[in-house]
Amino acid sequence: MEQRFVDVLDPVGEVEAEELGLAPRPASLKAKVVGLLSSSNRVMDMLGDRFEELIREKYGAVEFVRHRERGAPTPELMDKLARECDVVIGGIGV
């Protein structure tokens, strides 16, 4: 019987990336601007509503900025959020 061999290729590449760690966290969200970034998904919109409700209950006067983005956020949007917001809650949904 003739032996046959099959080459198996692994499509997973190795990526070298610098570990950035976590961004500094404010001690409180009171009087802060909170960005809510969603993936234009109904479920994420509902979660954003709930996050906003819970944060307002706990911290009072908090300003919210909402952005909806299909797919990965652009570098321009990330820069805008960094300028406008003290913290950002981002979420994607399926």
Protein backbone atom coordinates (compact mmCIF):
# COMPACT_ATOMS: atom_id res chain seq x y z
CA MET A 1 0.00 0.00 0.00
CA GLU A 2 1.31 3.39 -0.98
CA GLN A 3 1.82 5.91 1.86
CA ARG A 4 0.42 9.38 1.40
CA PHE A 5 1.31 12.44 3.39
CA VAL A 6 -0.68 15.56 3.95
CA ASP A 7 0.88 18.86 4.93
CA VAL A 8 -1.14 20.56 7.64
CA LEU A 9 -0.77 24.31 7.79
CA ASP A 10 -1.58 26.25 10.94
CA PRO A 11 -3.20 29.58 9.95
CA VAL A 12 -2.64 31.06 13.39
CA GLY A 13 0.25 33.47 13.29
CA GLU A 14 2.35 34.75 16.13
CA VAL A 15 1.93 38.40 16.93
CA GLU A 16 4.36 40.33 19.02
CA ALA A 17 2.66 43.20 20.80
CA GLU A 18 3.71 45.49 23.56
CA GLU A 19 1.73 44.90 26.75
CA LEU A 20 0.18 48.20 27.75
CA GLY A 21 -1.50 47.26 31.01
CA LEU A 22 -4.63 48.87 32.37
CA ALA A 23 -5.39 52.57 32.09
CA PRO A 24 -5.52 54.51 35.37
CA ARG A 25 -8.93 54.39 37.06
CA PRO A 26 -10.55 57.42 38.71
CA ALA A 27 -11.38 57.07 42.40
CA SER A 28 -15.01 57.99 41.63
CA LEU A 29 -17.22 58.64 38.61
CA LYS A 30 -18.89 61.62 40.29
CA ALA A 31 -18.85 64.64 37.93
CA LYS A 32 -17.06 62.59 35.25
CA VAL A 33 -17.86 62.07 31.58
CA VAL A 34 -18.51 58.41 30.81
CA GLY A 35 -18.35 57.21 27.22
CA LEU A 36 -20.52 54.27 26.18
CA LEU A 37 -19.28 52.63 22.99
CA SER A 38 -21.42 49.91 21.44
CA SER A 39 -21.27 47.82 18.31
CA SER A 40 -24.64 49.01 16.99
CA ASN A 41 -26.27 46.02 18.59
CA ARG A 42 -29.66 46.13 20.32
CA VAL A 43 -28.44 44.06 23.26
CA MET A 44 -25.45 46.36 23.79
CA ASP A 45 -27.77 49.37 23.64
CA MET A 46 -29.90 47.83 26.41
CA LEU A 47 -26.78 47.10 28.48
CA GLY A 48 -25.63 50.67 27.94
CA ASP A 49 -28.99 51.93 29.22
CA ARG A 50 -28.61 49.75 32.31
CA PHE A 51 -24.99 50.84 32.90
CA GLU A 52 -26.09 54.46 32.66
CA GLU A 53 -28.94 53.87 35.12
CA LEU A 54 -26.71 52.10 37.67
CA ILE A 55 -23.92 54.69 37.43
CA ARG A 56 -26.39 57.59 37.82
CA GLU A 57 -27.93 55.89 40.89
CA LYS A 58 -24.54 55.48 42.52
CA TYR A 59 -22.73 58.69 41.50
CA GLY A 60 -25.48 61.19 40.69
CA ALA A 61 -24.61 63.82 38.12
CA VAL A 62 -22.57 61.99 35.53
CA GLU A 63 -22.49 63.03 31.88
CA PHE A 64 -22.73 60.28 29.27
CA VAL A 65 -21.49 60.31 25.69
CA ARG A 66 -22.72 57.49 23.46
CA HIS A 67 -21.17 56.26 20.25
CA ARG A 68 -22.31 53.39 18.06
CA GLU A 69 -19.81 51.87 15.68
CA ARG A 70 -20.15 48.92 13.33
CA GLY A 71 -17.01 46.82 13.56
CA ALA A 72 -13.84 47.91 15.28
CA PRO A 73 -13.71 51.57 16.31
CA THR A 74 -11.48 53.73 14.13
CA PRO A 75 -8.37 55.39 15.57
CA GLU A 76 -10.14 58.74 15.02
CA LEU A 77 -13.08 57.65 17.17
CA MET A 78 -10.75 56.35 19.88
CA ASP A 79 -8.93 59.72 19.90
CA LYS A 80 -12.28 61.55 20.12
CA LEU A 81 -13.40 59.38 23.05
CA ALA A 82 -10.07 59.99 24.80
CA ARG A 83 -10.57 63.76 24.44
CA GLU A 84 -14.27 63.80 25.45
CA CYS A 85 -14.43 61.20 28.21
CA ASP A 86 -12.85 60.45 31.57
CA VAL A 87 -13.69 56.74 31.20
CA VAL A 88 -15.17 54.61 28.43
CA ILE A 89 -17.21 51.44 28.69
CA GLY A 90 -16.97 49.51 25.43
CA GLY A 91 -18.93 46.49 24.38
CA ILE A 92 -19.61 44.31 21.43
CA GLY A 93 -22.47 41.93 20.89
CA VAL A 94 -23.52 39.27 18.51
